[in-house]
């Protein structure tokens, strides 16, 4: 079991941007979407390897889990027993890590 999940500044900014974009139409749905992303990321404490290898970067140690139309990109640091959420991107967004 992982001791901690750390969100990078970039990932937190991504969540904020997702909220702001969806909130233009519905603040309620924006809140629900962000909470879904956060709650799904919490599952990584029990199953840190549940995500697949990021297809665009098979040579890196990044993994991803899908939440609706969003990709939560993360890294599992086994030695530190830590999951680092690197970014949250829309499934159609070009990844730049």
N, C-alpha and C. Protein backbone atom coordinates (compact mmCIF):
# COMPACT_ATOMS: atom_id res chain seq x y z
N UNK A 1 0.84 -1.19 0.00
CA UNK A 1 0.00 0.00 0.00
C UNK A 1 0.88 1.25 0.00
N UNK A 2 0.56 2.20 -0.85
CA UNK A 2 1.33 3.44 -0.98
C UNK A 2 1.03 4.36 0.20
N UNK A 3 2.06 4.97 0.71
CA UNK A 3 1.91 5.88 1.85
C UNK A 3 1.36 7.25 1.44
N UNK A 4 1.70 7.69 0.24
CA UNK A 4 1.37 9.08 -0.10
C UNK A 4 1.17 9.27 -1.61
N UNK A 5 0.27 10.19 -1.94
CA UNK A 5 0.10 10.65 -3.32
C UNK A 5 0.46 12.13 -3.33
N UNK A 6 1.34 12.48 -4.24
CA UNK A 6 1.76 13.87 -4.38
C UNK A 6 1.31 14.39 -5.74
N UNK A 7 0.68 15.56 -5.74
CA UNK A 7 0.26 16.21 -6.99
C UNK A 7 1.29 17.28 -7.33
N UNK A 8 1.81 17.26 -8.55
CA UNK A 8 2.73 18.32 -8.98
C UNK A 8 1.94 19.61 -9.20
N UNK A 9 2.64 20.70 -9.25
CA UNK A 9 2.01 22.00 -9.54
C UNK A 9 1.30 21.93 -10.89
N UNK A 10 1.95 21.32 -11.86
CA UNK A 10 1.33 21.20 -13.18
C UNK A 10 0.00 20.45 -13.10
N UNK A 11 -0.03 19.33 -12.37
CA UNK A 11 -1.26 18.55 -12.26
C UNK A 11 -2.36 19.34 -11.56
N UNK A 12 -1.99 20.08 -10.53
CA UNK A 12 -2.98 20.91 -9.83
C UNK A 12 -3.50 22.02 -10.74
N UNK A 13 -2.61 22.60 -11.52
CA UNK A 13 -3.03 23.62 -12.50
C UNK A 13 -3.95 23.00 -13.56
N UNK A 14 -3.65 21.77 -13.96
CA UNK A 14 -4.51 21.08 -14.92
C UNK A 14 -5.92 20.91 -14.35
N UNK A 15 -6.01 20.49 -13.08
CA UNK A 15 -7.32 20.34 -12.44
C UNK A 15 -8.07 21.66 -12.41
N UNK A 16 -7.35 22.72 -12.09
CA UNK A 16 -7.97 24.05 -12.04
C UNK A 16 -8.49 24.44 -13.43
N UNK A 17 -7.68 24.21 -14.45
CA UNK A 17 -8.09 24.55 -15.82
C UNK A 17 -9.31 23.72 -16.26
N UNK A 18 -9.32 22.45 -15.90
CA UNK A 18 -10.46 21.59 -16.23
C UNK A 18 -11.72 22.13 -15.56
N UNK A 19 -11.59 22.48 -14.28
CA UNK A 19 -12.74 23.03 -13.56
C UNK A 19 -13.25 24.30 -14.24
N UNK A 20 -12.34 25.22 -14.53
CA UNK A 20 -12.73 26.49 -15.13
C UNK A 20 -13.40 26.30 -16.49
N UNK A 21 -12.87 25.37 -17.28
CA UNK A 21 -13.43 25.14 -18.60
C UNK A 21 -14.86 24.58 -18.51
N UNK A 22 -15.04 23.56 -17.68
CA UNK A 22 -16.36 22.94 -17.56
C UNK A 22 -17.34 23.88 -16.85
N UNK A 23 -16.84 24.67 -15.91
CA UNK A 23 -17.70 25.57 -15.12
C UNK A 23 -18.35 26.66 -15.97
N UNK A 24 -17.82 26.91 -17.15
CA UNK A 24 -18.46 27.88 -18.05
C UNK A 24 -19.88 27.44 -18.37
N UNK A 25 -20.08 26.12 -18.40
CA UNK A 25 -21.41 25.57 -18.67
C UNK A 25 -22.12 25.12 -17.40
N UNK A 26 -21.35 24.53 -16.47
CA UNK A 26 -21.97 23.99 -15.26
C UNK A 26 -20.94 23.87 -14.13
N UNK A 27 -21.10 24.71 -13.12
CA UNK A 27 -20.20 24.63 -11.96
C UNK A 27 -20.37 23.29 -11.25
N UNK A 28 -21.58 22.81 -11.21
CA UNK A 28 -21.86 21.54 -10.54
C UNK A 28 -21.12 20.39 -11.24
N UNK A 29 -21.26 20.32 -12.56
CA UNK A 29 -20.59 19.24 -13.29
C UNK A 29 -19.07 19.40 -13.21
N UNK A 30 -18.58 20.62 -13.20
CA UNK A 30 -17.14 20.86 -13.08
C UNK A 30 -16.63 20.29 -11.76
N UNK A 31 -17.36 20.55 -10.69
CA UNK A 31 -16.97 20.03 -9.37
C UNK A 31 -16.99 18.51 -9.36
N UNK A 32 -18.04 17.93 -9.95
CA UNK A 32 -18.17 16.47 -10.00
C UNK A 32 -16.99 15.86 -10.78
N UNK A 33 -16.65 16.46 -11.92
CA UNK A 33 -15.56 15.92 -12.74
C UNK A 33 -14.23 15.97 -11.99
N UNK A 34 -13.93 17.08 -11.36
CA UNK A 34 -12.67 17.20 -10.62
C UNK A 34 -12.64 16.23 -9.44
N UNK A 35 -13.76 16.09 -8.74
CA UNK A 35 -13.82 15.13 -7.63
C UNK A 35 -13.64 13.70 -8.13
N UNK A 36 -14.21 13.37 -9.28
CA UNK A 36 -14.03 12.03 -9.85
C UNK A 36 -12.55 11.76 -10.14
N UNK A 37 -11.88 12.75 -10.69
CA UNK A 37 -10.45 12.61 -10.99
C UNK A 37 -9.67 12.39 -9.70
N UNK A 38 -9.94 13.21 -8.68
CA UNK A 38 -9.23 13.09 -7.41
C UNK A 38 -9.51 11.74 -6.74
N UNK A 39 -10.77 11.32 -6.73
CA UNK A 39 -11.13 10.06 -6.08
C UNK A 39 -10.52 8.86 -6.79
N UNK A 40 -10.49 8.90 -8.11
CA UNK A 40 -9.87 7.81 -8.86
C UNK A 40 -8.37 7.77 -8.58
N UNK A 41 -7.75 8.93 -8.49
CA UNK A 41 -6.32 8.98 -8.17
C UNK A 41 -6.05 8.38 -6.79
N UNK A 42 -6.98 8.55 -5.86
CA UNK A 42 -6.81 7.96 -4.53
C UNK A 42 -6.73 6.44 -4.57
N UNK A 43 -7.37 5.81 -5.57
CA UNK A 43 -7.28 4.36 -5.72
C UNK A 43 -5.85 3.88 -5.93
N UNK A 44 -4.99 4.79 -6.37
CA UNK A 44 -3.59 4.43 -6.60
C UNK A 44 -2.87 4.09 -5.30
N UNK A 45 -3.41 4.51 -4.16
CA UNK A 45 -2.78 4.15 -2.89
C UNK A 45 -2.86 2.64 -2.67
N UNK A 46 -3.92 2.02 -3.15
CA UNK A 46 -4.07 0.56 -3.01
C UNK A 46 -3.51 -0.20 -4.21
N UNK A 47 -3.58 0.41 -5.39
CA UNK A 47 -3.18 -0.27 -6.62
C UNK A 47 -2.31 0.66 -7.48
N UNK A 48 -1.08 0.94 -7.06
CA UNK A 48 -0.25 1.92 -7.78
C UNK A 48 0.12 1.53 -9.21
N UNK A 49 0.01 0.27 -9.55
CA UNK A 49 0.36 -0.16 -10.90
C UNK A 49 -0.87 -0.45 -11.75
N UNK A 50 -2.04 0.02 -11.29
CA UNK A 50 -3.27 -0.28 -12.01
C UNK A 50 -3.35 0.40 -13.37
N UNK A 51 -2.65 1.48 -13.55
CA UNK A 51 -2.69 2.20 -14.82
C UNK A 51 -1.81 1.54 -15.86
N UNK A 52 -2.10 1.87 -17.11
CA UNK A 52 -1.29 1.33 -18.20
C UNK A 52 -0.09 2.25 -18.45
N UNK A 53 0.91 1.71 -19.14
CA UNK A 53 2.04 2.52 -19.58
C UNK A 53 1.50 3.55 -20.57
N UNK A 54 1.97 4.78 -20.48
CA UNK A 54 1.52 5.83 -21.40
C UNK A 54 2.03 5.47 -22.81
N UNK A 55 1.11 5.25 -23.75
CA UNK A 55 1.50 4.78 -25.09
C UNK A 55 2.51 5.69 -25.81
N UNK A 56 2.39 6.99 -25.61
CA UNK A 56 3.29 7.93 -26.29
C UNK A 56 4.71 7.88 -25.74
N UNK A 57 4.87 7.35 -24.52
CA UNK A 57 6.18 7.34 -23.86
C UNK A 57 6.48 5.97 -23.25
N UNK A 58 6.53 4.92 -24.08
CA UNK A 58 6.74 3.57 -23.52
C UNK A 58 8.10 3.39 -22.86
N UNK A 59 9.06 4.24 -23.19
CA UNK A 59 10.41 4.14 -22.63
C UNK A 59 10.53 4.82 -21.27
N UNK A 60 9.50 5.56 -20.86
CA UNK A 60 9.53 6.24 -19.55
C UNK A 60 8.70 5.45 -18.54
N UNK A 61 8.84 5.79 -17.29
CA UNK A 61 8.13 5.06 -16.23
C UNK A 61 6.77 5.69 -15.90
N UNK A 62 6.20 6.43 -16.85
CA UNK A 62 4.90 7.04 -16.63
C UNK A 62 3.77 6.05 -16.90
N UNK A 63 2.72 6.14 -16.10
CA UNK A 63 1.53 5.32 -16.27
C UNK A 63 0.34 6.27 -16.35
N UNK A 64 -0.81 5.74 -16.74
CA UNK A 64 -2.00 6.58 -16.80
C UNK A 64 -3.23 5.77 -16.42
N UNK A 65 -4.18 6.49 -15.82
CA UNK A 65 -5.51 5.94 -15.59
C UNK A 65 -6.48 6.88 -16.28
N UNK A 66 -7.55 6.31 -16.78
CA UNK A 66 -8.55 7.10 -17.49
C UNK A 66 -9.72 7.39 -16.56
N UNK A 67 -10.16 8.64 -16.58
CA UNK A 67 -11.32 9.07 -15.80
C UNK A 67 -12.20 9.87 -16.76
N UNK A 68 -13.24 9.23 -17.25
CA UNK A 68 -14.07 9.91 -18.26
C UNK A 68 -13.22 10.22 -19.48
N UNK A 69 -13.20 11.49 -19.86
CA UNK A 69 -12.41 11.92 -21.02
C UNK A 69 -11.02 12.40 -20.65
N UNK A 70 -10.59 12.13 -19.44
CA UNK A 70 -9.31 12.64 -18.95
C UNK A 70 -8.33 11.52 -18.63
N UNK A 71 -7.06 11.84 -18.85
CA UNK A 71 -5.96 10.93 -18.56
C UNK A 71 -5.20 11.48 -17.37
N UNK A 72 -5.08 10.68 -16.32
CA UNK A 72 -4.29 11.07 -15.16
C UNK A 72 -2.92 10.39 -15.33
N UNK A 73 -1.90 11.20 -15.57
CA UNK A 73 -0.56 10.71 -15.83
C UNK A 73 0.20 10.73 -14.50
N UNK A 74 0.80 9.58 -14.17
CA UNK A 74 1.50 9.50 -12.88
C UNK A 74 2.74 8.62 -12.97
N UNK A 75 3.50 8.67 -11.90
CA UNK A 75 4.72 7.88 -11.76
C UNK A 75 4.68 7.22 -10.39
N UNK A 76 5.06 5.97 -10.30
CA UNK A 76 5.12 5.28 -9.01
C UNK A 76 6.58 5.13 -8.61
N UNK A 77 6.93 5.75 -7.49
CA UNK A 77 8.28 5.66 -6.95
C UNK A 77 8.28 4.58 -5.87
N UNK A 78 8.60 3.36 -6.27
CA UNK A 78 8.49 2.22 -5.36
C UNK A 78 9.39 2.36 -4.14
N UNK A 79 10.62 2.84 -4.33
CA UNK A 79 11.56 2.98 -3.22
C UNK A 79 11.04 3.93 -2.14
N UNK A 80 10.34 4.97 -2.57
CA UNK A 80 9.80 5.97 -1.65
C UNK A 80 8.36 5.68 -1.27
N UNK A 81 7.78 4.63 -1.87
CA UNK A 81 6.39 4.28 -1.62
C UNK A 81 5.48 5.49 -1.88
N UNK A 82 5.66 6.09 -3.05
CA UNK A 82 5.03 7.36 -3.39
C UNK A 82 4.49 7.32 -4.82
N UNK A 83 3.29 7.85 -5.01
CA UNK A 83 2.73 8.07 -6.34
C UNK A 83 2.76 9.57 -6.60
N UNK A 84 3.31 9.96 -7.73
CA UNK A 84 3.37 11.38 -8.10
C UNK A 84 2.48 11.58 -9.32
N UNK A 85 1.42 12.39 -9.14
CA UNK A 85 0.54 12.74 -10.26
C UNK A 85 1.25 13.85 -11.04
N UNK A 86 1.60 13.54 -12.28
CA UNK A 86 2.38 14.46 -13.09
C UNK A 86 1.52 15.46 -13.86
N UNK A 87 0.38 14.99 -14.37
CA UNK A 87 -0.47 15.84 -15.21
C UNK A 87 -1.84 15.20 -15.35
N UNK A 88 -2.80 16.03 -15.73
CA UNK A 88 -4.14 15.56 -16.08
C UNK A 88 -4.46 16.19 -17.43
N UNK A 89 -4.72 15.35 -18.41
CA UNK A 89 -4.93 15.87 -19.77
C UNK A 89 -6.20 15.29 -20.37
N UNK A 90 -6.85 16.08 -21.21
CA UNK A 90 -8.00 15.56 -21.96
C UNK A 90 -7.47 14.49 -22.91
N UNK A 91 -8.29 13.49 -23.17
CA UNK A 91 -7.84 12.37 -24.01
C UNK A 91 -7.40 12.79 -25.40
N UNK A 92 -7.91 13.90 -25.89
CA UNK A 92 -7.54 14.38 -27.24
C UNK A 92 -6.35 15.33 -27.22
N UNK A 93 -5.90 15.72 -26.05
CA UNK A 93 -4.80 16.66 -25.91
C UNK A 93 -3.47 15.99 -26.21
N UNK A 94 -2.61 16.67 -26.94
CA UNK A 94 -1.27 16.18 -27.23
C UNK A 94 -0.44 16.26 -25.95
N UNK A 95 0.16 15.15 -25.57
CA UNK A 95 0.94 15.13 -24.34
C UNK A 95 2.33 15.70 -24.55
N UNK A 96 2.74 16.53 -23.59
CA UNK A 96 4.09 17.09 -23.56
C UNK A 96 4.59 16.93 -22.14
N UNK A 97 5.36 15.90 -21.91
CA UNK A 97 5.87 15.65 -20.55
C UNK A 97 7.35 15.89 -20.52
